[in-house]
Protein backbone atom coordinates (compact mmCIF):
# COMPACT_ATOMS: atom_id res chain seq x y z
CA MET A 1 -17.31 -151.96 -133.76
CA LEU A 2 -16.75 -148.42 -132.59
CA ILE A 3 -16.64 -147.31 -129.05
CA LYS A 4 -19.83 -145.12 -129.59
CA ASP A 5 -21.60 -148.33 -130.68
CA LEU A 6 -20.55 -150.08 -127.47
CA THR A 7 -21.68 -147.18 -125.34
CA GLN A 8 -25.03 -147.13 -127.21
CA GLU A 9 -25.46 -150.85 -126.44
CA ILE A 10 -24.62 -150.28 -122.77
CA ASN A 11 -27.16 -147.49 -122.45
CA LYS A 12 -29.89 -149.72 -124.22
CA LYS A 13 -29.34 -152.75 -122.08
CA LYS A 14 -28.47 -150.89 -118.87
CA SER A 15 -25.54 -153.24 -118.52
CA PHE A 16 -21.72 -153.13 -118.86
CA LEU A 17 -21.34 -156.84 -118.33
CA CYS A 18 -18.79 -158.85 -120.46
CA ILE A 19 -19.19 -162.65 -120.20
CA GLY A 20 -15.99 -164.61 -120.41
CA LEU A 21 -16.35 -167.83 -122.59
CA ASP A 22 -13.41 -169.60 -120.81
CA THR A 23 -14.88 -172.88 -121.92
CA ASP A 24 -12.96 -175.79 -120.45
CA ILE A 25 -13.88 -179.18 -121.91
CA LYS A 26 -13.35 -180.77 -118.50
CA LYS A 27 -15.92 -178.55 -116.88
CA ILE A 28 -18.80 -178.42 -119.28
CA PRO A 29 -21.86 -180.63 -118.56
CA LYS A 30 -21.18 -184.30 -119.37
CA HIS A 31 -24.34 -184.64 -121.51
CA LEU A 32 -22.71 -182.33 -124.14
CA HIS A 33 -19.80 -184.63 -124.72
CA SER A 34 -21.90 -186.61 -127.15
CA GLU A 35 -22.31 -183.59 -129.43
CA ASN A 36 -20.16 -183.26 -132.53
CA ASP A 37 -18.67 -180.11 -131.13
CA PRO A 38 -19.21 -179.99 -127.38
CA ILE A 39 -17.35 -176.57 -126.95
CA PHE A 40 -19.54 -174.87 -129.48
CA SER A 41 -22.75 -176.41 -128.24
CA PHE A 42 -21.92 -175.24 -124.73
CA ASN A 43 -21.08 -171.64 -125.95
CA LYS A 44 -24.07 -171.41 -128.17
CA SER A 45 -26.38 -172.40 -125.35
CA ILE A 46 -24.79 -169.87 -122.98
CA ILE A 47 -24.97 -167.15 -125.63
CA ASP A 48 -28.51 -167.82 -126.54
CA LYS A 49 -29.68 -167.54 -122.85
CA THR A 50 -27.41 -164.65 -121.69
CA ASN A 51 -27.23 -162.10 -124.67
CA ASN A 52 -30.03 -159.99 -123.26
CA TYR A 53 -27.87 -159.18 -120.15
CA CYS A 54 -24.46 -158.55 -121.52
CA VAL A 55 -22.93 -156.21 -124.12
CA ALA A 56 -19.74 -158.20 -124.73
CA TYR A 57 -18.29 -161.70 -124.92
CA LYS A 58 -14.65 -162.44 -124.26
CA LEU A 59 -13.09 -165.64 -125.47
CA ASN A 60 -10.01 -166.73 -123.68
CA THR A 61 -8.02 -168.26 -126.60
CA ALA A 62 -5.95 -170.54 -124.42
CA PHE A 63 -8.87 -172.81 -123.73
CA TYR A 64 -9.45 -173.24 -127.45
CA GLU A 65 -5.76 -173.35 -128.63
CA SER A 66 -5.13 -176.18 -126.10
CA LEU A 67 -7.46 -178.38 -128.07
CA GLY A 68 -5.53 -177.92 -131.39
CA VAL A 69 -7.22 -177.69 -134.71
CA GLN A 70 -10.66 -178.62 -133.19
CA GLY A 71 -10.37 -175.96 -130.65
CA TRP A 72 -9.65 -173.38 -133.18
CA ALA A 73 -12.63 -174.55 -135.21
CA SER A 74 -14.81 -174.24 -132.13
CA MET A 75 -13.60 -170.76 -131.52
CA LYS A 76 -14.22 -169.76 -135.11
CA LYS A 77 -17.78 -171.15 -134.99
CA THR A 78 -18.41 -169.27 -131.79
CA ILE A 79 -17.30 -165.86 -133.09
CA GLU A 80 -19.10 -166.33 -136.33
CA TYR A 81 -22.29 -167.23 -134.52
CA ILE A 82 -22.07 -164.14 -132.33
CA ASN A 83 -21.22 -161.88 -135.33
CA LYS A 84 -24.15 -163.30 -137.38
CA THR A 85 -26.80 -163.59 -134.66
CA PHE A 86 -25.94 -160.80 -132.32
CA PRO A 87 -23.82 -158.26 -134.28
CA GLU A 88 -24.50 -155.49 -131.71
CA ILE A 89 -22.44 -157.42 -129.15
CA PHE A 90 -18.79 -156.48 -128.68
CA THR A 91 -16.30 -159.39 -129.02
CA ILE A 92 -12.90 -159.81 -127.41
CA ALA A 93 -10.19 -162.24 -128.29
CA ASP A 94 -8.39 -162.58 -124.85
CA ALA A 95 -5.12 -163.77 -126.47
CA LYS A 96 -2.66 -161.49 -124.65
CA ARG A 97 -0.40 -161.35 -127.71
CA GLY A 98 2.59 -159.01 -127.93
CA ASP A 99 5.54 -159.18 -130.21
CA ILE A 100 7.39 -156.98 -132.56
CA GLY A 101 7.04 -155.99 -136.26
CA ASN A 102 5.55 -158.46 -138.64
CA THR A 103 4.80 -160.95 -135.87
CA SER A 104 2.31 -158.46 -134.35
CA LYS A 105 0.90 -157.75 -137.76
CA MET A 106 0.27 -161.49 -138.30
CA TYR A 107 -1.39 -161.68 -134.84
CA ALA A 108 -3.61 -158.80 -135.72
CA GLN A 109 -4.58 -160.34 -139.04
CA THR A 110 -5.46 -163.57 -137.20
CA PHE A 111 -7.92 -162.05 -134.85
CA PHE A 112 -9.15 -159.08 -136.74
CA GLU A 113 -9.35 -160.28 -140.35
CA ASN A 114 -9.49 -164.16 -140.14
CA MET A 115 -11.53 -164.51 -136.88
CA ASN A 116 -13.27 -161.09 -137.14
CA PHE A 117 -13.13 -160.17 -133.44
CA ASP A 118 -13.78 -156.51 -132.52
CA SER A 119 -10.80 -156.37 -130.19
CA VAL A 120 -7.81 -158.31 -128.85
CA THR A 121 -5.91 -158.12 -125.62
CA ILE A 122 -2.22 -157.39 -125.92
CA ASN A 123 0.81 -157.43 -123.59
CA PRO A 124 2.41 -154.03 -124.21
CA TYR A 125 5.75 -154.64 -122.28
CA MET A 126 7.75 -155.03 -125.49
CA GLY A 127 6.82 -151.40 -126.36
CA SER A 128 5.10 -149.48 -129.05
CA ASP A 129 6.10 -151.60 -131.99
CA SER A 130 4.39 -154.54 -130.45
CA VAL A 131 1.05 -152.60 -130.26
CA LYS A 132 0.93 -150.24 -133.18
CA PRO A 133 0.26 -153.01 -135.83
CA PHE A 134 -3.02 -153.65 -134.05
CA LEU A 135 -4.05 -150.02 -134.27
CA GLU A 136 -3.84 -149.97 -138.05
CA PHE A 137 -7.18 -151.75 -138.39
CA GLU A 138 -10.30 -149.64 -138.84
CA SER A 139 -13.03 -150.08 -136.24
CA LYS A 140 -10.98 -152.51 -134.28
CA ILE A 141 -9.71 -152.05 -130.68
CA ALA A 142 -6.42 -152.94 -128.89
CA ILE A 143 -6.89 -153.78 -125.27
CA LEU A 144 -3.56 -153.36 -123.41
CA LEU A 145 -2.78 -155.08 -120.12
CA GLY A 146 -2.66 -152.27 -117.58
CA LEU A 147 -2.89 -153.69 -114.11
CA THR A 148 -3.93 -157.33 -113.99
CA SER A 149 -6.00 -159.09 -111.38
CA ASN A 150 -3.62 -161.89 -110.47
CA ASN A 151 -1.37 -162.11 -107.42
CA GLY A 152 1.78 -162.11 -109.62
CA ALA A 153 1.08 -158.45 -110.51
CA LEU A 154 3.09 -157.71 -107.41
CA ASP A 155 6.30 -159.19 -109.09
CA ILE A 156 6.63 -156.50 -111.71
CA GLN A 157 3.52 -154.24 -112.25
CA LEU A 158 3.39 -153.07 -108.72
CA LYS A 159 7.10 -152.42 -108.25
CA LYS A 160 7.98 -148.78 -107.85
CA THR A 161 10.47 -146.93 -110.00
CA ASN A 162 11.94 -143.53 -109.09
CA GLN A 163 8.79 -141.91 -110.69
CA ASP A 164 5.93 -144.32 -110.07
CA TYR A 165 4.57 -147.83 -110.18
CA VAL A 166 5.73 -149.81 -113.24
CA PHE A 167 2.01 -150.25 -114.41
CA ALA A 168 1.52 -146.53 -114.19
CA GLU A 169 4.52 -145.71 -116.19
CA MET A 170 3.44 -148.19 -118.76
CA ILE A 171 -0.02 -146.71 -119.14
CA ARG A 172 1.34 -143.19 -119.10
CA SER A 173 3.67 -144.02 -122.03
CA SER A 174 1.41 -146.37 -123.97
CA LYS A 175 -1.67 -143.87 -124.04
CA GLU A 176 0.25 -141.85 -126.69
CA TRP A 177 0.43 -144.83 -129.11
CA GLY A 178 -3.22 -144.51 -129.85
CA ASN A 179 -6.35 -142.92 -128.34
CA GLU A 180 -9.43 -143.68 -126.42
CA LYS A 181 -11.20 -144.63 -129.73
CA ASN A 182 -8.90 -147.47 -130.54
CA MET A 183 -7.37 -148.58 -127.18
CA MET A 184 -8.74 -149.91 -123.92
CA TYR A 185 -6.89 -151.16 -120.88
CA VAL A 186 -7.26 -154.23 -118.77
CA VAL A 187 -7.52 -153.27 -115.07
CA GLY A 188 -8.24 -156.00 -112.49
CA ALA A 189 -11.34 -155.57 -110.34
CA THR A 190 -9.36 -157.11 -107.45
CA LYS A 191 -7.23 -153.97 -107.14
CA PRO A 192 -9.71 -151.11 -106.62
CA GLN A 193 -7.25 -148.99 -104.58
CA TYR A 194 -5.24 -148.33 -107.84
CA ILE A 195 -8.18 -147.40 -110.09
CA GLU A 196 -8.29 -143.73 -109.07
CA LYS A 197 -4.62 -143.29 -110.07
CA ILE A 198 -5.41 -144.99 -113.32
CA ARG A 199 -8.31 -142.79 -114.02
CA GLU A 200 -5.98 -139.69 -113.43
CA ILE A 201 -3.74 -140.98 -116.22
CA ILE A 202 -6.43 -142.20 -118.71
CA PRO A 203 -9.72 -140.47 -117.82
CA ASN A 204 -11.45 -141.27 -121.06
CA HIS A 205 -10.38 -144.75 -122.05
CA PHE A 206 -12.58 -147.77 -121.61
CA LEU A 207 -11.35 -150.22 -118.92
CA LEU A 208 -12.01 -153.95 -119.25
CA MET A 209 -12.19 -155.22 -115.68
CA PRO A 210 -11.87 -158.86 -114.98
CA GLY A 211 -12.05 -160.33 -111.42
CA VAL A 212 -15.72 -159.86 -110.37
CA GLY A 213 -17.27 -163.16 -109.31
CA ALA A 214 -15.06 -166.03 -108.67
CA GLN A 215 -12.04 -163.82 -108.09
CA GLY A 216 -13.80 -161.74 -105.42
CA GLY A 217 -13.82 -158.31 -107.09
CA ASN A 218 -16.61 -155.99 -105.70
CA LEU A 219 -18.74 -154.35 -108.34
CA ASN A 220 -19.88 -151.34 -106.40
CA GLU A 221 -16.39 -150.71 -105.20
CA ILE A 222 -14.72 -150.59 -108.61
CA CYS A 223 -17.49 -148.52 -110.18
CA LYS A 224 -17.02 -145.85 -107.50
CA TYR A 225 -13.58 -145.05 -109.06
CA ALA A 226 -13.84 -146.38 -112.65
CA LEU A 227 -16.99 -144.96 -114.13
CA ASN A 228 -16.47 -141.94 -116.25
CA ASP A 229 -18.74 -139.56 -118.32
CA ASN A 230 -18.88 -142.17 -121.16
CA ILE A 231 -19.49 -145.05 -118.62
CA GLY A 232 -16.10 -146.36 -119.70
CA ILE A 233 -16.02 -149.83 -118.20
CA LEU A 234 -16.69 -153.43 -119.21
CA VAL A 235 -16.84 -155.72 -116.17
CA ASN A 236 -15.95 -159.27 -116.93
CA SER A 237 -17.38 -162.43 -115.20
CA SER A 238 -16.57 -165.85 -116.50
CA ARG A 239 -16.67 -168.90 -114.23
CA SER A 240 -19.39 -167.71 -111.85
CA ILE A 241 -21.65 -167.27 -114.86
CA ILE A 242 -20.83 -170.08 -117.33
CA TYR A 243 -20.41 -172.70 -114.62
CA ALA A 244 -23.25 -171.69 -112.51
CA SER A 245 -24.40 -175.21 -112.76
CA SER A 246 -23.45 -178.44 -114.65
CA ASP A 247 -26.85 -180.05 -115.14
CA GLN A 248 -29.33 -179.91 -118.06
CA LYS A 249 -30.31 -176.33 -117.13
CA PHE A 250 -26.78 -175.05 -117.07
CA ALA A 251 -27.64 -172.28 -119.68
CA GLU A 252 -30.75 -171.18 -117.73
CA ASN A 253 -28.67 -171.00 -114.54
CA ALA A 254 -26.04 -168.96 -116.29
CA ALA A 255 -28.70 -166.50 -117.41
CA GLU A 256 -29.88 -166.20 -113.88
CA GLU A 257 -26.42 -165.19 -112.70
CA ALA A 258 -25.98 -162.87 -115.63
CA SER A 259 -29.28 -161.22 -114.95
CA ARG A 260 -28.36 -160.80 -111.27
CA LEU A 261 -25.20 -158.77 -112.31
CA GLN A 262 -27.20 -156.90 -114.95
CA LYS A 263 -29.69 -155.74 -112.33
CA GLN A 264 -26.89 -154.49 -110.09
CA MET A 265 -25.39 -152.59 -113.06
CA LYS A 266 -28.70 -150.99 -113.85
CA VAL A 267 -29.02 -149.62 -110.38
CA ILE A 268 -25.41 -148.28 -110.56
CA LEU A 269 -26.03 -146.61 -113.99
CA SER A 270 -29.23 -144.98 -112.58
CA ARG A 271 -27.12 -143.19 -109.98
CA VAL A 272 -24.76 -141.75 -112.50
CA LYS A 273 -27.23 -140.39 -114.93
């Protein structure tokens, strides 16, 4: 999928919501455990009820990889279902890969060719040769970790060099490896005070912004600094949507939460048009 296709879908749905399918077998409703593939059954139900409100789904691969072969099968069935049934929706493999040379090339083939995701998250701290193999795939997007939402970002990303913060130096260097058509950046919604600086460095790139919902990020606050002329943001919410309830109506309750966020986004977009 191309960035222009994503922007078109955002304008159509009046939403820049990304729903994270961080599907934990221990948290899904108990009645699904009798299904042949509980993870896929849960994901399918969520997708069927929420697709009208979001423009992207993000699968955190750790939740699937932790289950071994069956988890990989559930992930593949999920991405195939999205691609076949809702091809207009942008898909993200939240895998946070990052290695050099042929290893990165193999990771890229895994998620772009074998699994057919539109994008994959990458840890860029090993440098350009850990990212560039992902940029060789047409109509695919590399999403680099810029400034993450976790408290541990203080340990390295928010350290200051003689020039600037480490995260700012990384973004400034890495933006030359690709362009705004084949790279995005992860920027945590829990750190709005740094978004203006990031936009000075990369005014035109899309930002994937986790942290709204269970992590406490404020939607209006981040949009104040992050929105650009091309909208330029995907705001991810995972737990507050997919685990809105654990009863028989879990998918309907997830849809209600997704709809609530979409309505807020519609209002925000109406102000910038």
